[in-house]
Amino acid sequence: MTKTVMLESTVTCPECGHRETEVMPTDACQWFYECRGCGTLLKPLPGDCCVYCSYGTVPCPPIQLDEKCCG
């Protein structure tokens, strides 16, 4: 059975609360994300592999597939 991977995730800035829906890359990790609301540079929280896993509504594609993220 093939898992369906969602590629859109809504990132929420912890500083200003701005929300932006983005299409996640499938071939690279996104370690940094600049908030379009306040300009804060977001980085993954400890234990997370990327900004989508830390601040997004959907984790990155490798995590969705139970794979190691960008390893």
PDB file of N, CA and C in Angstrom:
ATOM      1  N   MET A   1       0.834  -1.183   0.000  1.00  0.00           N
ATOM      2  CA  MET A   1       0.000   0.000   0.000  1.00  0.00           C
ATOM      3  C   MET A   1       0.880   1.248   0.000  1.00  0.00           C
ATOM      4  N   THR A   2       0.644   2.147  -0.914  1.00  0.00           N
ATOM      5  CA  THR A   2       1.419   3.369  -1.044  1.00  0.00           C
ATOM      6  C   THR A   2       0.826   4.472  -0.172  1.00  0.00           C
ATOM      7  N   LYS A   3       1.709   5.133   0.570  1.00  0.00           N
ATOM      8  CA  LYS A   3       1.256   6.244   1.399  1.00  0.00           C
ATOM      9  C   LYS A   3       1.124   7.495   0.539  1.00  0.00           C
ATOM     10  N   THR A   4       0.118   8.299   0.842  1.00  0.00           N
ATOM     11  CA  THR A   4      -0.050   9.582   0.176  1.00  0.00           C
ATOM     12  C   THR A   4       0.747  10.627   0.950  1.00  0.00           C
ATOM     13  N   VAL A   5       1.571  11.371   0.233  1.00  0.00           N
ATOM     14  CA  VAL A   5       2.387  12.404   0.857  1.00  0.00           C
ATOM     15  C   VAL A   5       1.766  13.762   0.565  1.00  0.00           C
ATOM     16  N   MET A   6       1.531  14.512   1.616  1.00  0.00           N
ATOM     17  CA  MET A   6       1.023  15.879   1.458  1.00  0.00           C
ATOM     18  C   MET A   6       2.218  16.810   1.289  1.00  0.00           C
ATOM     19  N   LEU A   7       2.166  17.677   0.291  1.00  0.00           N
ATOM     20  CA  LEU A   7       3.290  18.571   0.021  1.00  0.00           C
ATOM     21  C   LEU A   7       3.061  19.989   0.507  1.00  0.00           C
ATOM     22  N   GLU A   8       1.833  20.330   0.899  1.00  0.00           N
ATOM     23  CA  GLU A   8       1.565  21.676   1.415  1.00  0.00           C
ATOM     24  C   GLU A   8       1.506  21.653   2.931  1.00  0.00           C
ATOM     25  N   SER A   9       2.131  22.654   3.530  1.00  0.00           N
ATOM     26  CA  SER A   9       2.130  22.802   4.984  1.00  0.00           C
ATOM     27  C   SER A   9       2.011  24.284   5.293  1.00  0.00           C
ATOM     28  N   THR A  10       1.224  24.614   6.302  1.00  0.00           N
ATOM     29  CA  THR A  10       1.086  26.014   6.706  1.00  0.00           C
ATOM     30  C   THR A  10       2.031  26.264   7.870  1.00  0.00           C
ATOM     31  N   VAL A  11       2.993  27.148   7.638  1.00  0.00           N
ATOM     32  CA  VAL A  11       3.990  27.510   8.644  1.00  0.00           C
ATOM     33  C   VAL A  11       3.446  28.677   9.465  1.00  0.00           C
ATOM     34  N   THR A  12       3.534  28.547  10.792  1.00  0.00           N
ATOM     35  CA  THR A  12       3.101  29.619  11.685  1.00  0.00           C
ATOM     36  C   THR A  12       4.304  30.141  12.441  1.00  0.00           C
ATOM     37  N   CYS A  13       4.535  31.440  12.344  1.00  0.00           N
ATOM     38  CA  CYS A  13       5.657  32.074  13.022  1.00  0.00           C
ATOM     39  C   CYS A  13       5.361  32.158  14.529  1.00  0.00           C
ATOM     40  N   PRO A  14       6.277  31.670  15.359  1.00  0.00           N
ATOM     41  CA  PRO A  14       6.058  31.738  16.802  1.00  0.00           C
ATOM     42  C   PRO A  14       6.220  33.151  17.358  1.00  0.00           C
ATOM     43  N   GLU A  15       6.817  34.036  16.588  1.00  0.00           N
ATOM     44  CA  GLU A  15       7.029  35.410  17.048  1.00  0.00           C
ATOM     45  C   GLU A  15       5.821  36.305  16.813  1.00  0.00           C
ATOM     46  N   CYS A  16       5.260  36.261  15.607  1.00  0.00           N
ATOM     47  CA  CYS A  16       4.179  37.197  15.264  1.00  0.00           C
ATOM     48  C   CYS A  16       2.855  36.512  14.935  1.00  0.00           C
ATOM     49  N   GLY A  17       2.877  35.171  14.768  1.00  0.00           N
ATOM     50  CA  GLY A  17       1.656  34.438  14.465  1.00  0.00           C
ATOM     51  C   GLY A  17       1.274  34.423  12.992  1.00  0.00           C
ATOM     52  N   HIS A  18       2.101  35.045  12.135  1.00  0.00           N
ATOM     53  CA  HIS A  18       1.820  35.044  10.690  1.00  0.00           C
ATOM     54  C   HIS A  18       1.809  33.609  10.184  1.00  0.00           C
ATOM     55  N   ARG A  19       0.843  33.323   9.310  1.00  0.00           N
ATOM     56  CA  ARG A  19       0.706  31.978   8.734  1.00  0.00           C
ATOM     57  C   ARG A  19       0.875  32.075   7.223  1.00  0.00           C
ATOM     58  N   GLU A  20       1.614  31.131   6.676  1.00  0.00           N
ATOM     59  CA  GLU A  20       1.854  31.099   5.229  1.00  0.00           C
ATOM     60  C   GLU A  20       1.859  29.641   4.777  1.00  0.00           C
ATOM     61  N   THR A  21       1.070  29.323   3.764  1.00  0.00           N
ATOM     62  CA  THR A  21       1.053  27.968   3.221  1.00  0.00           C
ATOM     63  C   THR A  21       2.131  27.858   2.156  1.00  0.00           C
ATOM     64  N   GLU A  22       2.961  26.834   2.302  1.00  0.00           N
ATOM     65  CA  GLU A  22       4.104  26.631   1.406  1.00  0.00           C
ATOM     66  C   GLU A  22       4.063  25.208   0.840  1.00  0.00           C
ATOM     67  N   VAL A  23       4.704  25.036  -0.306  1.00  0.00           N
ATOM     68  CA  VAL A  23       4.900  23.707  -0.877  1.00  0.00           C
ATOM     69  C   VAL A  23       6.279  23.241  -0.409  1.00  0.00           C
ATOM     70  N   MET A  24       6.294  22.094   0.250  1.00  0.00           N
ATOM     71  CA  MET A  24       7.550  21.577   0.803  1.00  0.00           C
ATOM     72  C   MET A  24       8.403  20.943  -0.295  1.00  0.00           C
ATOM     73  N   PRO A  25       9.717  21.121  -0.217  1.00  0.00           N
ATOM     74  CA  PRO A  25      10.591  20.440  -1.175  1.00  0.00           C
ATOM     75  C   PRO A  25      10.615  18.946  -0.876  1.00  0.00           C
ATOM     76  N   THR A  26      10.775  18.151  -1.916  1.00  0.00           N
ATOM     77  CA  THR A  26      10.861  16.702  -1.733  1.00  0.00           C
ATOM     78  C   THR A  26      12.305  16.209  -1.836  1.00  0.00           C
ATOM     79  N   ASP A  27      13.213  17.095  -2.263  1.00  0.00           N
ATOM     80  CA  ASP A  27      14.588  16.692  -2.499  1.00  0.00           C
ATOM     81  C   ASP A  27      15.603  17.386  -1.594  1.00  0.00           C
ATOM     82  N   ALA A  28      15.132  18.131  -0.584  1.00  0.00           N
ATOM     83  CA  ALA A  28      16.044  18.841   0.322  1.00  0.00           C
ATOM     84  C   ALA A  28      15.313  19.191   1.607  1.00  0.00           C
ATOM     85  N   CYS A  29      16.082  19.319   2.685  1.00  0.00           N
ATOM     86  CA  CYS A  29      15.515  19.783   3.953  1.00  0.00           C
ATOM     87  C   CYS A  29      15.473  21.307   3.943  1.00  0.00           C
ATOM     88  N   GLN A  30      14.525  21.845   4.646  1.00  0.00           N
ATOM     89  CA  GLN A  30      14.479  23.298   4.786  1.00  0.00           C
ATOM     90  C   GLN A  30      14.804  23.609   6.244  1.00  0.00           C
ATOM     91  N   TRP A  31      16.047  24.005   6.476  1.00  0.00           N
ATOM     92  CA  TRP A  31      16.510  24.274   7.831  1.00  0.00           C
ATOM     93  C   TRP A  31      16.200  25.697   8.262  1.00  0.00           C
ATOM     94  N   PHE A  32      15.985  26.590   7.317  1.00  0.00           N
ATOM     95  CA  PHE A  32      15.707  27.989   7.637  1.00  0.00           C
ATOM     96  C   PHE A  32      14.468  28.446   6.878  1.00  0.00           C
ATOM     97  N   TYR A  33      13.722  29.347   7.511  1.00  0.00           N
ATOM     98  CA  TYR A  33      12.534  29.911   6.874  1.00  0.00           C
ATOM     99  C   TYR A  33      12.372  31.328   7.392  1.00  0.00           C
ATOM    100  N   GLU A  34      12.302  32.298   6.494  1.00  0.00           N
ATOM    101  CA  GLU A  34      12.114  33.687   6.904  1.00  0.00           C
ATOM    102  C   GLU A  34      10.629  34.036   6.894  1.00  0.00           C
ATOM    103  N   CYS A  35      10.121  34.444   8.053  1.00  0.00           N
ATOM    104  CA  CYS A  35       8.715  34.808   8.184  1.00  0.00           C
ATOM    105  C   CYS A  35       8.418  36.014   7.298  1.00  0.00           C
ATOM    106  N   ARG A  36       7.353  35.914   6.526  1.00  0.00           N
ATOM    107  CA  ARG A  36       6.964  37.018   5.649  1.00  0.00           C
ATOM    108  C   ARG A  36       6.197  38.089   6.407  1.00  0.00           C
ATOM    109  N   GLY A  37       5.875  37.818   7.665  1.00  0.00           N
ATOM    110  CA  GLY A  37       5.173  38.808   8.481  1.00  0.00           C
ATOM    111  C   GLY A  37       6.114  39.733   9.223  1.00  0.00           C
ATOM    112  N   CYS A  38       7.130  39.144   9.894  1.00  0.00           N
ATOM    113  CA  CYS A  38       8.011  39.965  10.731  1.00  0.00           C
ATOM    114  C   CYS A  38       9.488  39.831  10.386  1.00  0.00           C
ATOM    115  N   GLY A  39       9.833  38.908   9.489  1.00  0.00           N
ATOM    116  CA  GLY A  39      11.225  38.745   9.075  1.00  0.00           C
ATOM    117  C   GLY A  39      12.060  37.847   9.975  1.00  0.00           C
ATOM    118  N   THR A  40      11.456  37.266  11.011  1.00  0.00           N
ATOM    119  CA  THR A  40      12.192  36.363  11.893  1.00  0.00           C
ATOM    120  C   THR A  40      12.677  35.152  11.104  1.00  0.00           C
ATOM    121  N   LEU A  41      13.928  34.767  11.343  1.00  0.00           N
ATOM    122  CA  LEU A  41      14.491  33.587  10.695  1.00  0.00           C
ATOM    123  C   LEU A  41      14.210  32.384  11.588  1.00  0.00           C
ATOM    124  N   LEU A  42      13.343  31.491  11.115  1.00  0.00           N
ATOM    125  CA  LEU A  42      12.985  30.303  11.881  1.00  0.00           C
ATOM    126  C   LEU A  42      13.971  29.186  11.598  1.00  0.00           C
ATOM    127  N   LYS A  43      14.299  28.445  12.659  1.00  0.00           N
ATOM    128  CA  LYS A  43      15.170  27.271  12.566  1.00  0.00           C
ATOM    129  C   LYS A  43      14.449  26.121  13.249  1.00  0.00           C
ATOM    130  N   PRO A  44      14.759  24.874  12.909  1.00  0.00           N
ATOM    131  CA  PRO A  44      14.088  23.746  13.554  1.00  0.00           C
ATOM    132  C   PRO A  44      14.301  23.745  15.062  1.00  0.00           C
ATOM    133  N   LEU A  45      13.289  23.312  15.784  1.00  0.00           N
ATOM    134  CA  LEU A  45      13.407  23.146  17.229  1.00  0.00           C
ATOM    135  C   LEU A  45      14.269  21.919  17.515  1.00  0.00           C
ATOM    136  N   PRO A  46      14.895  21.848  18.693  1.00  0.00           N
ATOM    137  CA  PRO A  46      15.704  20.668  19.025  1.00  0.00           C
ATOM    138  C   PRO A  46      14.880  19.385  18.865  1.00  0.00           C
ATOM    139  N   GLY A  47      15.476  18.416  18.180  1.00  0.00           N
ATOM    140  CA  GLY A  47      14.803  17.146  17.946  1.00  0.00           C
ATOM    141  C   GLY A  47      14.027  17.075  16.645  1.00  0.00           C
ATOM    142  N   ASP A  48      13.807  18.218  16.000  1.00  0.00           N
ATOM    143  CA  ASP A  48      13.113  18.240  14.711  1.00  0.00           C
ATOM    144  C   ASP A  48      14.143  18.367  13.594  1.00  0.00           C
ATOM    145  N   CYS A  49      13.780  17.845  12.418  1.00  0.00           N
ATOM    146  CA  CYS A  49      14.732  17.832  11.302  1.00  0.00           C
ATOM    147  C   CYS A  49      14.642  19.067  10.411  1.00  0.00           C
ATOM    148  N   CYS A  50      13.492  19.768  10.433  1.00  0.00           N
ATOM    149  CA  CYS A  50      13.337  20.915   9.540  1.00  0.00           C
ATOM    150  C   CYS A  50      12.261  21.861  10.079  1.00  0.00           C
ATOM    151  N   VAL A  51      12.119  23.018   9.450  1.00  0.00           N
ATOM    152  CA  VAL A  51      11.148  24.012   9.918  1.00  0.00           C
ATOM    153  C   VAL A  51       9.713  23.534   9.754  1.00  0.00           C
ATOM    154  N   TYR A  52       9.446  22.671   8.775  1.00  0.00           N
ATOM    155  CA  TYR A  52       8.079  22.167   8.603  1.00  0.00           C
ATOM    156  C   TYR A  52       7.684  21.253   9.756  1.00  0.00           C
ATOM    157  N   CYS A  53       8.632  20.463  10.246  1.00  0.00           N
ATOM    158  CA  CYS A  53       8.346  19.590  11.382  1.00  0.00           C
ATOM    159  C   CYS A  53       8.161  20.400  12.668  1.00  0.00           C
ATOM    160  N   SER A  54       8.791  21.553  12.755  1.00  0.00           N
ATOM    161  CA  SER A  54       8.681  22.391  13.954  1.00  0.00           C
ATOM    162  C   SER A  54       7.498  23.347  13.921  1.00  0.00           C
ATOM    163  N   TYR A  55       7.245  23.975  12.781  1.00  0.00           N
ATOM    164  CA  TYR A  55       6.271  25.067  12.725  1.00  0.00           C
ATOM    165  C   TYR A  55       5.137  24.851  11.730  1.00  0.00           C
ATOM    166  N   GLY A  56       5.155  23.744  11.011  1.00  0.00           N
ATOM    167  CA  GLY A  56       4.146  23.501   9.986  1.00  0.00           C
ATOM    168  C   GLY A  56       2.984  22.653  10.475  1.00  0.00           C
ATOM    169  N   THR A  57       1.918  22.688   9.699  1.00  0.00           N
ATOM    170  CA  THR A  57       0.744  21.877  10.005  1.00  0.00           C
ATOM    171  C   THR A  57       0.921  20.444   9.544  1.00  0.00           C
ATOM    172  N   VAL A  58       1.883  20.224   8.645  1.00  0.00           N
ATOM    173  CA  VAL A  58       2.173  18.892   8.105  1.00  0.00           C
ATOM    174  C   VAL A  58       3.687  18.702   8.166  1.00  0.00           C
ATOM    175  N   PRO A  59       4.164  17.561   8.685  1.00  0.00           N
ATOM    176  CA  PRO A  59       5.613  17.324   8.700  1.00  0.00           C
ATOM    177  C   PRO A  59       6.155  17.107   7.289  1.00  0.00           C
ATOM    178  N   CYS A  60       7.457  17.188   7.145  1.00  0.00           N
ATOM    179  CA  CYS A  60       8.103  17.061   5.838  1.00  0.00           C
ATOM    180  C   CYS A  60       7.845  15.689   5.212  1.00  0.00           C
ATOM    181  N   PRO A  61       7.977  15.576   3.876  1.00  0.00           N
ATOM    182  CA  PRO A  61       7.705  14.316   3.185  1.00  0.00           C
ATOM    183  C   PRO A  61       8.454  13.097   3.727  1.00  0.00           C
ATOM    184  N   PRO A  62       9.768  13.167   4.008  1.00  0.00           N
ATOM    185  CA  PRO A  62      10.421  11.960   4.537  1.00  0.00           C
ATOM    186  C   PRO A  62       9.814  11.480   5.861  1.00  0.00           C
ATOM    187  N   ILE A  63       9.472  12.390   6.739  1.00  0.00           N
ATOM    188  CA  ILE A  63       8.870  12.006   8.015  1.00  0.00           C
ATOM    189  C   ILE A  63       7.487  11.388   7.789  1.00  0.00           C
ATOM    190  N   GLN A  64       6.734  11.931   6.836  1.00  0.00           N
ATOM    191  CA  GLN A  64       5.431  11.350   6.509  1.00  0.00           C
ATOM    192  C   GLN A  64       5.567   9.896   6.035  1.00  0.00           C
ATOM    193  N   LEU A  65       6.693   9.601   5.395  1.00  0.00           N
ATOM    194  CA  LEU A  65       6.934   8.252   4.862  1.00  0.00           C
ATOM    195  C   LEU A  65       7.684   7.365   5.855  1.00  0.00           C
ATOM    196  N   ASP A  66       7.834   7.843   7.104  1.00  0.00           N
ATOM    197  CA  ASP A  66       8.557   7.107   8.143  1.00  0.00           C
ATOM    198  C   ASP A  66      10.004   6.842   7.751  1.00  0.00           C
ATOM    199  N   GLU A  67      10.599   7.825   7.078  1.00  0.00           N
ATOM    200  CA  GLU A  67      12.005   7.741   6.674  1.00  0.00           C
ATOM    201  C   GLU A  67      12.789   8.780   7.453  1.00  0.00           C
ATOM    202  N   LYS A  68      14.105   8.627   7.425  1.00  0.00           N
ATOM    203  CA  LYS A  68      14.967   9.616   8.060  1.00  0.00           C
ATOM    204  C   LYS A  68      14.965  10.870   7.178  1.00  0.00           C
ATOM    205  N   CYS A  69      14.777  12.006   7.792  1.00  0.00           N
ATOM    206  CA  CYS A  69      14.740  13.264   7.046  1.00  0.00           C
ATOM    207  C   CYS A  69      16.129  13.669   6.599  1.00  0.00           C
ATOM    208  N   CYS A  70      16.296  13.783   5.317  1.00  0.00           N
ATOM    209  CA  CYS A  70      17.526  14.317   4.715  1.00  0.00           C
ATOM    210  C   CYS A  70      18.783  13.669   5.260  1.00  0.00           C
ATOM    211  N   GLY A  71      18.722  12.412   5.504  1.00  0.00           N
ATOM    212  CA  GLY A  71      19.883  11.724   6.056  1.00  0.00           C
ATOM    213  C   GLY A  71      20.626  11.011   4.991  1.00  0.00           C
TER     214      GLY A  71
END
